[in-house]
Amino acid sequence: MEMNSALIKKSVAHDRHALQGRLLEIAVAGPLSGLPATLGNEMKQAIQMAVNEMDRDGDVLGAELKLHVVDDQGDVKKGVAKAPSFVNEPTYSELLGITIAT
């Protein structure tokens, strides 16, 4: 969990005043169903724990974090098909995941 917290903090470490009171939306893609579902669900739980901890502690310079999770089923074609929706969504501050790309 510490690694996820550090990664997210580093990813969104902007000017304190620019983030105060803002909502930072983090998109996560991973295999939540199918054969690799265990890996994807553990990843989702770890990231959610980190987000909850940072929100509780106010670790992201006063910003609120919100997690959006999408199931790519561990399928490369499905992951590639979902990727543009993350990139084209202007509300997402960060993208984490797409754990399996083989």
PDB file of N, CA and C in Angstrom:
ATOM      1  N   MET A   1       0.820  -1.185   0.000  1.00  0.00           N
ATOM      2  CA  MET A   1       0.000   0.000   0.000  1.00  0.00           C
ATOM      3  C   MET A   1       0.868   1.255   0.000  1.00  0.00           C
ATOM      4  N   GLU A   2       1.970   1.237   0.684  1.00  0.00           N
ATOM      5  CA  GLU A   2       2.859   2.398   0.713  1.00  0.00           C
ATOM      6  C   GLU A   2       3.327   2.763  -0.689  1.00  0.00           C
ATOM      7  N   MET A   3       3.627   1.738  -1.517  1.00  0.00           N
ATOM      8  CA  MET A   3       4.086   2.001  -2.867  1.00  0.00           C
ATOM      9  C   MET A   3       2.986   2.687  -3.677  1.00  0.00           C
ATOM     10  N   ASN A   4       1.741   2.222  -3.551  1.00  0.00           N
ATOM     11  CA  ASN A   4       0.638   2.853  -4.270  1.00  0.00           C
ATOM     12  C   ASN A   4       0.443   4.286  -3.799  1.00  0.00           C
ATOM     13  N   SER A   5       0.496   4.528  -2.498  1.00  0.00           N
ATOM     14  CA  SER A   5       0.339   5.883  -1.978  1.00  0.00           C
ATOM     15  C   SER A   5       1.428   6.788  -2.520  1.00  0.00           C
ATOM     16  N   ALA A   6       2.655   6.324  -2.504  1.00  0.00           N
ATOM     17  CA  ALA A   6       3.772   7.126  -2.990  1.00  0.00           C
ATOM     18  C   ALA A   6       3.623   7.414  -4.475  1.00  0.00           C
ATOM     19  N   LEU A   7       3.198   6.424  -5.243  1.00  0.00           N
ATOM     20  CA  LEU A   7       3.019   6.603  -6.675  1.00  0.00           C
ATOM     21  C   LEU A   7       1.943   7.638  -6.961  1.00  0.00           C
ATOM     22  N   ILE A   8       0.820   7.539  -6.285  1.00  0.00           N
ATOM     23  CA  ILE A   8      -0.269   8.484  -6.531  1.00  0.00           C
ATOM     24  C   ILE A   8       0.124   9.878  -6.060  1.00  0.00           C
ATOM     25  N   LYS A   9       0.764   9.983  -4.888  1.00  0.00           N
ATOM     26  CA  LYS A   9       1.195  11.293  -4.406  1.00  0.00           C
ATOM     27  C   LYS A   9       2.144  11.940  -5.396  1.00  0.00           C
ATOM     28  N   LYS A  10       3.096  11.174  -5.902  1.00  0.00           N
ATOM     29  CA  LYS A  10       4.056  11.705  -6.862  1.00  0.00           C
ATOM     30  C   LYS A  10       3.352  12.121  -8.142  1.00  0.00           C
ATOM     31  N   SER A  11       2.374  11.333  -8.561  1.00  0.00           N
ATOM     32  CA  SER A  11       1.663  11.610  -9.804  1.00  0.00           C
ATOM     33  C   SER A  11       0.877  12.906  -9.753  1.00  0.00           C
ATOM     34  N   VAL A  12       0.356  13.247  -8.593  1.00  0.00           N
ATOM     35  CA  VAL A  12      -0.503  14.422  -8.499  1.00  0.00           C
ATOM     36  C   VAL A  12       0.109  15.529  -7.638  1.00  0.00           C
ATOM     37  N   ALA A  13       1.401  15.496  -7.429  1.00  0.00           N
ATOM     38  CA  ALA A  13       2.055  16.499  -6.585  1.00  0.00           C
ATOM     39  C   ALA A  13       2.230  17.799  -7.371  1.00  0.00           C
ATOM     40  N   HIS A  14       1.194  18.620  -7.367  1.00  0.00           N
ATOM     41  CA  HIS A  14       1.186  19.903  -8.051  1.00  0.00           C
ATOM     42  C   HIS A  14       1.211  21.009  -6.998  1.00  0.00           C
ATOM     43  N   ASP A  15       1.052  22.209  -7.472  1.00  0.00           N
ATOM     44  CA  ASP A  15       0.980  23.377  -6.602  1.00  0.00           C
ATOM     45  C   ASP A  15      -0.160  23.225  -5.585  1.00  0.00           C
ATOM     46  N   ARG A  16       0.138  23.453  -4.322  1.00  0.00           N
ATOM     47  CA  ARG A  16      -0.842  23.284  -3.240  1.00  0.00           C
ATOM     48  C   ARG A  16      -2.129  24.056  -3.512  1.00  0.00           C
ATOM     49  N   HIS A  17      -2.037  25.268  -3.956  1.00  0.00           N
ATOM     50  CA  HIS A  17      -3.238  26.087  -4.167  1.00  0.00           C
ATOM     51  C   HIS A  17      -4.052  25.598  -5.361  1.00  0.00           C
ATOM     52  N   ALA A  18      -3.399  25.036  -6.345  1.00  0.00           N
ATOM     53  CA  ALA A  18      -4.107  24.553  -7.540  1.00  0.00           C
ATOM     54  C   ALA A  18      -4.968  23.333  -7.211  1.00  0.00           C
ATOM     55  N   LEU A  19      -4.593  22.556  -6.198  1.00  0.00           N
ATOM     56  CA  LEU A  19      -5.317  21.330  -5.871  1.00  0.00           C
ATOM     57  C   LEU A  19      -6.325  21.479  -4.738  1.00  0.00           C
ATOM     58  N   GLN A  20      -6.199  22.497  -3.949  1.00  0.00           N
ATOM     59  CA  GLN A  20      -7.070  22.671  -2.788  1.00  0.00           C
ATOM     60  C   GLN A  20      -8.537  22.628  -3.194  1.00  0.00           C
ATOM     61  N   GLY A  21      -9.276  21.659  -2.635  1.00  0.00           N
ATOM     62  CA  GLY A  21     -10.702  21.541  -2.884  1.00  0.00           C
ATOM     63  C   GLY A  21     -11.082  20.927  -4.219  1.00  0.00           C
ATOM     64  N   ARG A  22     -10.111  20.546  -5.028  1.00  0.00           N
ATOM     65  CA  ARG A  22     -10.416  19.948  -6.339  1.00  0.00           C
ATOM     66  C   ARG A  22     -10.677  18.459  -6.209  1.00  0.00           C
ATOM     67  N   LEU A  23     -11.386  17.924  -7.171  1.00  0.00           N
ATOM     68  CA  LEU A  23     -11.620  16.491  -7.279  1.00  0.00           C
ATOM     69  C   LEU A  23     -10.654  15.948  -8.321  1.00  0.00           C
ATOM     70  N   LEU A  24      -9.805  15.012  -7.914  1.00  0.00           N
ATOM     71  CA  LEU A  24      -8.885  14.351  -8.831  1.00  0.00           C
ATOM     72  C   LEU A  24      -9.417  12.952  -9.089  1.00  0.00           C
ATOM     73  N   GLU A  25      -9.724  12.677 -10.329  1.00  0.00           N
ATOM     74  CA  GLU A  25     -10.288  11.389 -10.696  1.00  0.00           C
ATOM     75  C   GLU A  25      -9.197  10.508 -11.283  1.00  0.00           C
ATOM     76  N   ILE A  26      -9.091   9.301 -10.749  1.00  0.00           N
ATOM     77  CA  ILE A  26      -8.062   8.351 -11.154  1.00  0.00           C
ATOM     78  C   ILE A  26      -8.743   7.175 -11.837  1.00  0.00           C
ATOM     79  N   ALA A  27      -8.351   6.911 -13.066  1.00  0.00           N
ATOM     80  CA  ALA A  27      -8.900   5.795 -13.826  1.00  0.00           C
ATOM     81  C   ALA A  27      -7.991   4.588 -13.670  1.00  0.00           C
ATOM     82  N   VAL A  28      -8.582   3.439 -13.450  1.00  0.00           N
ATOM     83  CA  VAL A  28      -7.836   2.196 -13.288  1.00  0.00           C
ATOM     84  C   VAL A  28      -8.443   1.140 -14.201  1.00  0.00           C
ATOM     85  N   ALA A  29      -7.602   0.499 -14.991  1.00  0.00           N
ATOM     86  CA  ALA A  29      -8.044  -0.619 -15.828  1.00  0.00           C
ATOM     87  C   ALA A  29      -7.327  -1.864 -15.350  1.00  0.00           C
ATOM     88  N   GLY A  30      -8.066  -2.946 -15.242  1.00  0.00           N
ATOM     89  CA  GLY A  30      -7.451  -4.192 -14.808  1.00  0.00           C
ATOM     90  C   GLY A  30      -8.396  -5.355 -14.993  1.00  0.00           C
ATOM     91  N   PRO A  31      -7.866  -6.552 -14.859  1.00  0.00           N
ATOM     92  CA  PRO A  31      -8.682  -7.749 -15.043  1.00  0.00           C
ATOM     93  C   PRO A  31      -9.512  -8.067 -13.803  1.00  0.00           C
ATOM     94  N   LEU A  32     -10.763  -7.633 -13.806  1.00  0.00           N
ATOM     95  CA  LEU A  32     -11.640  -7.874 -12.668  1.00  0.00           C
ATOM     96  C   LEU A  32     -12.491  -9.115 -12.855  1.00  0.00           C
ATOM     97  N   SER A  33     -12.429  -9.692 -14.040  1.00  0.00           N
ATOM     98  CA  SER A  33     -13.130 -10.940 -14.322  1.00  0.00           C
ATOM     99  C   SER A  33     -12.231 -11.776 -15.234  1.00  0.00           C
ATOM    100  N   GLY A  34     -12.628 -12.998 -15.465  1.00  0.00           N
ATOM    101  CA  GLY A  34     -11.810 -13.880 -16.284  1.00  0.00           C
ATOM    102  C   GLY A  34     -10.729 -14.552 -15.459  1.00  0.00           C
ATOM    103  N   LEU A  35      -9.809 -15.210 -16.139  1.00  0.00           N
ATOM    104  CA  LEU A  35      -8.761 -15.972 -15.450  1.00  0.00           C
ATOM    105  C   LEU A  35      -7.889 -15.132 -14.515  1.00  0.00           C
ATOM    106  N   PRO A  36      -7.484 -13.916 -14.906  1.00  0.00           N
ATOM    107  CA  PRO A  36      -6.615 -13.135 -14.010  1.00  0.00           C
ATOM    108  C   PRO A  36      -7.368 -12.256 -13.021  1.00  0.00           C
ATOM    109  N   ALA A  37      -8.627 -12.566 -12.740  1.00  0.00           N
ATOM    110  CA  ALA A  37      -9.449 -11.709 -11.877  1.00  0.00           C
ATOM    111  C   ALA A  37      -8.852 -11.519 -10.484  1.00  0.00           C
ATOM    112  N   THR A  38      -8.212 -12.541  -9.950  1.00  0.00           N
ATOM    113  CA  THR A  38      -7.627 -12.416  -8.607  1.00  0.00           C
ATOM    114  C   THR A  38      -6.594 -11.290  -8.584  1.00  0.00           C
ATOM    115  N   LEU A  39      -5.722 -11.252  -9.584  1.00  0.00           N
ATOM    116  CA  LEU A  39      -4.712 -10.201  -9.676  1.00  0.00           C
ATOM    117  C   LEU A  39      -5.372  -8.827  -9.791  1.00  0.00           C
ATOM    118  N   GLY A  40      -6.342  -8.710 -10.678  1.00  0.00           N
ATOM    119  CA  GLY A  40      -7.005  -7.431 -10.883  1.00  0.00           C
ATOM    120  C   GLY A  40      -7.752  -6.940  -9.665  1.00  0.00           C
ATOM    121  N   ASN A  41      -8.440  -7.834  -8.973  1.00  0.00           N
ATOM    122  CA  ASN A  41      -9.184  -7.432  -7.783  1.00  0.00           C
ATOM    123  C   ASN A  41      -8.258  -7.048  -6.640  1.00  0.00           C
ATOM    124  N   GLU A  42      -7.122  -7.730  -6.520  1.00  0.00           N
ATOM    125  CA  GLU A  42      -6.138  -7.335  -5.500  1.00  0.00           C
ATOM    126  C   GLU A  42      -5.560  -5.963  -5.821  1.00  0.00           C
ATOM    127  N   MET A  43      -5.286  -5.716  -7.103  1.00  0.00           N
ATOM    128  CA  MET A  43      -4.783  -4.409  -7.525  1.00  0.00           C
ATOM    129  C   MET A  43      -5.814  -3.326  -7.193  1.00  0.00           C
ATOM    130  N   LYS A  44      -7.070  -3.579  -7.524  1.00  0.00           N
ATOM    131  CA  LYS A  44      -8.146  -2.622  -7.254  1.00  0.00           C
ATOM    132  C   LYS A  44      -8.250  -2.329  -5.753  1.00  0.00           C
ATOM    133  N   GLN A  45      -8.207  -3.382  -4.933  1.00  0.00           N
ATOM    134  CA  GLN A  45      -8.315  -3.206  -3.483  1.00  0.00           C
ATOM    135  C   GLN A  45      -7.136  -2.404  -2.934  1.00  0.00           C
ATOM    136  N   ALA A  46      -5.930  -2.678  -3.422  1.00  0.00           N
ATOM    137  CA  ALA A  46      -4.744  -1.956  -2.943  1.00  0.00           C
ATOM    138  C   ALA A  46      -4.813  -0.479  -3.310  1.00  0.00           C
ATOM    139  N   ILE A  47      -5.224  -0.194  -4.534  1.00  0.00           N
ATOM    140  CA  ILE A  47      -5.333   1.199  -4.962  1.00  0.00           C
ATOM    141  C   ILE A  47      -6.438   1.904  -4.181  1.00  0.00           C
ATOM    142  N   GLN A  48      -7.577   1.238  -3.970  1.00  0.00           N
ATOM    143  CA  GLN A  48      -8.664   1.849  -3.218  1.00  0.00           C
ATOM    144  C   GLN A  48      -8.243   2.131  -1.776  1.00  0.00           C
ATOM    145  N   MET A  49      -7.498   1.204  -1.174  1.00  0.00           N
ATOM    146  CA  MET A  49      -6.995   1.433   0.187  1.00  0.00           C
ATOM    147  C   MET A  49      -6.086   2.656   0.228  1.00  0.00           C
ATOM    148  N   ALA A  50      -5.210   2.791  -0.775  1.00  0.00           N
ATOM    149  CA  ALA A  50      -4.305   3.939  -0.826  1.00  0.00           C
ATOM    150  C   ALA A  50      -5.090   5.236  -0.994  1.00  0.00           C
ATOM    151  N   VAL A  51      -6.081   5.227  -1.867  1.00  0.00           N
ATOM    152  CA  VAL A  51      -6.915   6.418  -2.087  1.00  0.00           C
ATOM    153  C   VAL A  51      -7.666   6.784  -0.809  1.00  0.00           C
ATOM    154  N   ASN A  52      -8.260   5.800  -0.150  1.00  0.00           N
ATOM    155  CA  ASN A  52      -8.985   6.060   1.106  1.00  0.00           C
ATOM    156  C   ASN A  52      -8.057   6.640   2.171  1.00  0.00           C
ATOM    157  N   GLU A  53      -6.862   6.080   2.269  1.00  0.00           N
ATOM    158  CA  GLU A  53      -5.897   6.553   3.261  1.00  0.00           C
ATOM    159  C   GLU A  53      -5.483   7.993   2.970  1.00  0.00           C
ATOM    160  N   MET A  54      -5.215   8.288   1.717  1.00  0.00           N
ATOM    161  CA  MET A  54      -4.797   9.649   1.362  1.00  0.00           C
ATOM    162  C   MET A  54      -5.927  10.643   1.553  1.00  0.00           C
ATOM    163  N   ASP A  55      -7.156  10.253   1.216  1.00  0.00           N
ATOM    164  CA  ASP A  55      -8.296  11.138   1.459  1.00  0.00           C
ATOM    165  C   ASP A  55      -8.464  11.406   2.948  1.00  0.00           C
ATOM    166  N   ARG A  56      -8.357  10.358   3.755  1.00  0.00           N
ATOM    167  CA  ARG A  56      -8.507  10.487   5.207  1.00  0.00           C
ATOM    168  C   ARG A  56      -7.442  11.411   5.796  1.00  0.00           C
ATOM    169  N   ASP A  57      -6.213  11.265   5.315  1.00  0.00           N
ATOM    170  CA  ASP A  57      -5.097  12.022   5.865  1.00  0.00           C
ATOM    171  C   ASP A  57      -4.873  13.366   5.177  1.00  0.00           C
ATOM    172  N   GLY A  58      -5.610  13.639   4.104  1.00  0.00           N
ATOM    173  CA  GLY A  58      -5.417  14.892   3.378  1.00  0.00           C
ATOM    174  C   GLY A  58      -4.069  14.973   2.693  1.00  0.00           C
ATOM    175  N   ASP A  59      -3.560  13.828   2.253  1.00  0.00           N
ATOM    176  CA  ASP A  59      -2.199  13.754   1.719  1.00  0.00           C
ATOM    177  C   ASP A  59      -1.999  14.365   0.339  1.00  0.00           C
ATOM    178  N   VAL A  60      -3.054  14.658  -0.385  1.00  0.00           N
ATOM    179  CA  VAL A  60      -2.871  15.158  -1.746  1.00  0.00           C
ATOM    180  C   VAL A  60      -3.223  16.644  -1.787  1.00  0.00           C
ATOM    181  N   LEU A  61      -2.572  17.389  -0.945  1.00  0.00           N
ATOM    182  CA  LEU A  61      -2.646  18.840  -0.935  1.00  0.00           C
ATOM    183  C   LEU A  61      -4.068  19.378  -0.924  1.00  0.00           C
ATOM    184  N   GLY A  62      -4.938  18.704  -0.175  1.00  0.00           N
ATOM    185  CA  GLY A  62      -6.297  19.179  -0.010  1.00  0.00           C
ATOM    186  C   GLY A  62      -7.272  18.753  -1.086  1.00  0.00           C
ATOM    187  N   ALA A  63      -6.821  17.983  -2.049  1.00  0.00           N
ATOM    188  CA  ALA A  63      -7.717  17.511  -3.102  1.00  0.00           C
ATOM    189  C   ALA A  63      -8.433  16.243  -2.645  1.00  0.00           C
ATOM    190  N   GLU A  64      -9.614  16.006  -3.211  1.00  0.00           N
ATOM    191  CA  GLU A  64     -10.357  14.775  -2.976  1.00  0.00           C
ATOM    192  C   GLU A  64     -10.063  13.825  -4.137  1.00  0.00           C
ATOM    193  N   LEU A  65      -9.875  12.558  -3.826  1.00  0.00           N
ATOM    194  CA  LEU A  65      -9.593  11.564  -4.859  1.00  0.00           C
ATOM    195  C   LEU A  65     -10.812  10.695  -5.108  1.00  0.00           C
ATOM    196  N   LYS A  66     -11.044  10.368  -6.364  1.00  0.00           N
ATOM    197  CA  LYS A  66     -12.142   9.473  -6.736  1.00  0.00           C
ATOM    198  C   LYS A  66     -11.594   8.453  -7.728  1.00  0.00           C
ATOM    199  N   LEU A  67     -11.919   7.204  -7.491  1.00  0.00           N
ATOM    200  CA  LEU A  67     -11.414   6.106  -8.302  1.00  0.00           C
ATOM    201  C   LEU A  67     -12.493   5.610  -9.263  1.00  0.00           C
ATOM    202  N   HIS A  68     -12.114   5.434 -10.525  1.00  0.00           N
ATOM    203  CA  HIS A  68     -12.986   4.838 -11.543  1.00  0.00           C
ATOM    204  C   HIS A  68     -12.282   3.568 -12.024  1.00  0.00           C
ATOM    205  N   VAL A  69     -12.935   2.428 -11.868  1.00  0.00           N
ATOM    206  CA  VAL A  69     -12.313   1.150 -12.217  1.00  0.00           C
ATOM    207  C   VAL A  69     -13.076   0.516 -13.379  1.00  0.00           C
ATOM    208  N   VAL A  70     -12.329   0.044 -14.371  1.00  0.00           N
ATOM    209  CA  VAL A  70     -12.914  -0.594 -15.541  1.00  0.00           C
ATOM    210  C   VAL A  70     -12.294  -1.976 -15.703  1.00  0.00           C
ATOM    211  N   ASP A  71     -13.121  -2.945 -16.003  1.00  0.00           N
ATOM    212  CA  ASP A  71     -12.685  -4.327 -16.206  1.00  0.00           C
ATOM    213  C   ASP A  71     -12.252  -4.528 -17.654  1.00  0.00           C
ATOM    214  N   ASP A  72     -10.974  -4.870 -17.847  1.00  0.00           N
ATOM    215  CA  ASP A  72     -10.512  -5.207 -19.197  1.00  0.00           C
ATOM    216  C   ASP A  72     -10.431  -6.723 -19.394  1.00  0.00           C
ATOM    217  N   GLN A  73     -10.824  -7.470 -18.377  1.00  0.00           N
ATOM    218  CA  GLN A  73     -10.877  -8.930 -18.377  1.00  0.00           C
ATOM    219  C   GLN A  73      -9.531  -9.588 -18.699  1.00  0.00           C
ATOM    220  N   GLY A  74      -8.450  -8.828 -18.576  1.00  0.00           N
ATOM    221  CA  GLY A  74      -7.126  -9.367 -18.888  1.00  0.00           C
ATOM    222  C   GLY A  74      -6.946  -9.652 -20.364  1.00  0.00           C
ATOM    223  N   ASP A  75      -7.790  -9.063 -21.175  1.00  0.00           N
ATOM    224  CA  ASP A  75      -7.767  -9.284 -22.617  1.00  0.00           C
ATOM    225  C   ASP A  75      -7.179  -8.047 -23.305  1.00  0.00           C
ATOM    226  N   VAL A  76      -6.103  -8.250 -24.064  1.00  0.00           N
ATOM    227  CA  VAL A  76      -5.418  -7.129 -24.695  1.00  0.00           C
ATOM    228  C   VAL A  76      -6.362  -6.335 -25.588  1.00  0.00           C
ATOM    229  N   LYS A  77      -7.147  -7.007 -26.395  1.00  0.00           N
ATOM    230  CA  LYS A  77      -8.054  -6.301 -27.311  1.00  0.00           C
ATOM    231  C   LYS A  77      -9.074  -5.465 -26.541  1.00  0.00           C
ATOM    232  N   LYS A  78      -9.576  -6.005 -25.440  1.00  0.00           N
ATOM    233  CA  LYS A  78     -10.542  -5.253 -24.634  1.00  0.00           C
ATOM    234  C   LYS A  78      -9.866  -4.080 -23.934  1.00  0.00           C
ATOM    235  N   GLY A  79      -8.640  -4.284 -23.476  1.00  0.00           N
ATOM    236  CA  GLY A  79      -7.888  -3.198 -22.853  1.00  0.00           C
ATOM    237  C   GLY A  79      -7.599  -2.071 -23.836  1.00  0.00           C
ATOM    238  N   VAL A  80      -7.197  -2.444 -25.039  1.00  0.00           N
ATOM    239  CA  VAL A  80      -6.920  -1.446 -26.080  1.00  0.00           C
ATOM    240  C   VAL A  80      -8.208  -0.707 -26.450  1.00  0.00           C
ATOM    241  N   ALA A  81      -9.321  -1.423 -26.505  1.00  0.00           N
ATOM    242  CA  ALA A  81     -10.595  -0.795 -26.844  1.00  0.00           C
ATOM    243  C   ALA A  81     -11.041   0.196 -25.767  1.00  0.00           C
ATOM    244  N   LYS A  82     -10.710  -0.055 -24.514  1.00  0.00           N
ATOM    245  CA  LYS A  82     -11.124   0.818 -23.413  1.00  0.00           C
ATOM    246  C   LYS A  82     -10.169   2.001 -23.220  1.00  0.00           C
ATOM    247  N   ALA A  83      -8.930   1.870 -23.665  1.00  0.00           N
ATOM    248  CA  ALA A  83      -7.924   2.912 -23.442  1.00  0.00           C
ATOM    249  C   ALA A  83      -8.340   4.287 -23.962  1.00  0.00           C
ATOM    250  N   PRO A  84      -8.908   4.413 -25.161  1.00  0.00           N
ATOM    251  CA  PRO A  84      -9.290   5.756 -25.625  1.00  0.00           C
ATOM    252  C   PRO A  84     -10.298   6.454 -24.716  1.00  0.00           C
ATOM    253  N   SER A  85     -11.175   5.695 -24.069  1.00  0.00           N
ATOM    254  CA  SER A  85     -12.138   6.337 -23.182  1.00  0.00           C
ATOM    255  C   SER A  85     -11.437   6.984 -21.992  1.00  0.00           C
ATOM    256  N   PHE A  86     -10.319   6.414 -21.559  1.00  0.00           N
ATOM    257  CA  PHE A  86      -9.547   7.029 -20.480  1.00  0.00           C
ATOM    258  C   PHE A  86      -8.843   8.284 -20.978  1.00  0.00           C
ATOM    259  N   VAL A  87      -8.209   8.161 -22.116  1.00  0.00           N
ATOM    260  CA  VAL A  87      -7.417   9.276 -22.658  1.00  0.00           C
ATOM    261  C   VAL A  87      -8.320  10.447 -23.048  1.00  0.00           C
ATOM    262  N   ASN A  88      -9.483  10.150 -23.580  1.00  0.00           N
ATOM    263  CA  ASN A  88     -10.387  11.201 -24.060  1.00  0.00           C
ATOM    264  C   ASN A  88     -11.283  11.778 -22.985  1.00  0.00           C
ATOM    265  N   GLU A  89     -11.230  11.239 -21.786  1.00  0.00           N
ATOM    266  CA  GLU A  89     -12.061  11.741 -20.683  1.00  0.00           C
ATOM    267  C   GLU A  89     -11.295  12.843 -19.960  1.00  0.00           C
ATOM    268  N   PRO A  90     -11.709  14.093 -20.121  1.00  0.00           N
ATOM    269  CA  PRO A  90     -10.933  15.198 -19.554  1.00  0.00           C
ATOM    270  C   PRO A  90     -10.942  15.270 -18.030  1.00  0.00           C
ATOM    271  N   THR A  91     -11.844  14.531 -17.361  1.00  0.00           N
ATOM    272  CA  THR A  91     -11.888  14.630 -15.902  1.00  0.00           C
ATOM    273  C   THR A  91     -10.846  13.747 -15.227  1.00  0.00           C
ATOM    274  N   TYR A  92     -10.271  12.791 -15.937  1.00  0.00           N
ATOM    275  CA  TYR A  92      -9.287  11.900 -15.313  1.00  0.00           C
ATOM    276  C   TYR A  92      -7.941  12.608 -15.165  1.00  0.00           C
ATOM    277  N   SER A  93      -7.436  12.604 -13.940  1.00  0.00           N
ATOM    278  CA  SER A  93      -6.143  13.207 -13.658  1.00  0.00           C
ATOM    279  C   SER A  93      -5.009  12.214 -13.874  1.00  0.00           C
ATOM    280  N   GLU A  94      -5.296  10.945 -13.634  1.00  0.00           N
ATOM    281  CA  GLU A  94      -4.281   9.897 -13.717  1.00  0.00           C
ATOM    282  C   GLU A  94      -4.894   8.628 -14.282  1.00  0.00           C
ATOM    283  N   LEU A  95      -4.045   7.803 -14.888  1.00  0.00           N
ATOM    284  CA  LEU A  95      -4.445   6.477 -15.352  1.00  0.00           C
ATOM    285  C   LEU A  95      -3.484   5.478 -14.749  1.00  0.00           C
ATOM    286  N   LEU A  96      -4.029   4.491 -14.048  1.00  0.00           N
ATOM    287  CA  LEU A  96      -3.237   3.406 -13.485  1.00  0.00           C
ATOM    288  C   LEU A  96      -3.751   2.098 -14.055  1.00  0.00           C
ATOM    289  N   GLY A  97      -2.855   1.165 -14.275  1.00  0.00           N
ATOM    290  CA  GLY A  97      -3.311  -0.160 -14.615  1.00  0.00           C
ATOM    291  C   GLY A  97      -2.949  -0.626 -15.989  1.00  0.00           C
ATOM    292  N   ILE A  98      -3.889  -1.310 -16.563  1.00  0.00           N
ATOM    293  CA  ILE A  98      -3.696  -2.144 -17.732  1.00  0.00           C
ATOM    294  C   ILE A  98      -2.521  -3.057 -17.425  1.00  0.00           C
ATOM    295  N   THR A  99      -2.826  -4.003 -16.525  1.00  0.00           N
ATOM    296  CA  THR A  99      -1.804  -4.853 -15.932  1.00  0.00           C
ATOM    297  C   THR A  99      -1.319  -5.965 -16.833  1.00  0.00           C
ATOM    298  N   ILE A 100      -2.141  -6.404 -17.757  1.00  0.00           N
ATOM    299  CA  ILE A 100      -1.760  -7.520 -18.606  1.00  0.00           C
ATOM    300  C   ILE A 100      -1.842  -7.070 -20.052  1.00  0.00           C
ATOM    301  N   ALA A 101      -0.742  -7.138 -20.754  1.00  0.00           N
ATOM    302  CA  ALA A 101      -0.725  -6.675 -22.147  1.00  0.00           C
ATOM    303  C   ALA A 101       0.019  -7.666 -23.023  1.00  0.00           C
ATOM    304  N   THR A 102      -0.246  -8.951 -22.844  1.00  0.00           N
ATOM    305  CA  THR A 102       0.423  -9.929 -23.683  1.00  0.00           C
ATOM    306  C   THR A 102      -0.586 -10.695 -24.510  1.00  0.00           C
TER     307      THR A 102
END
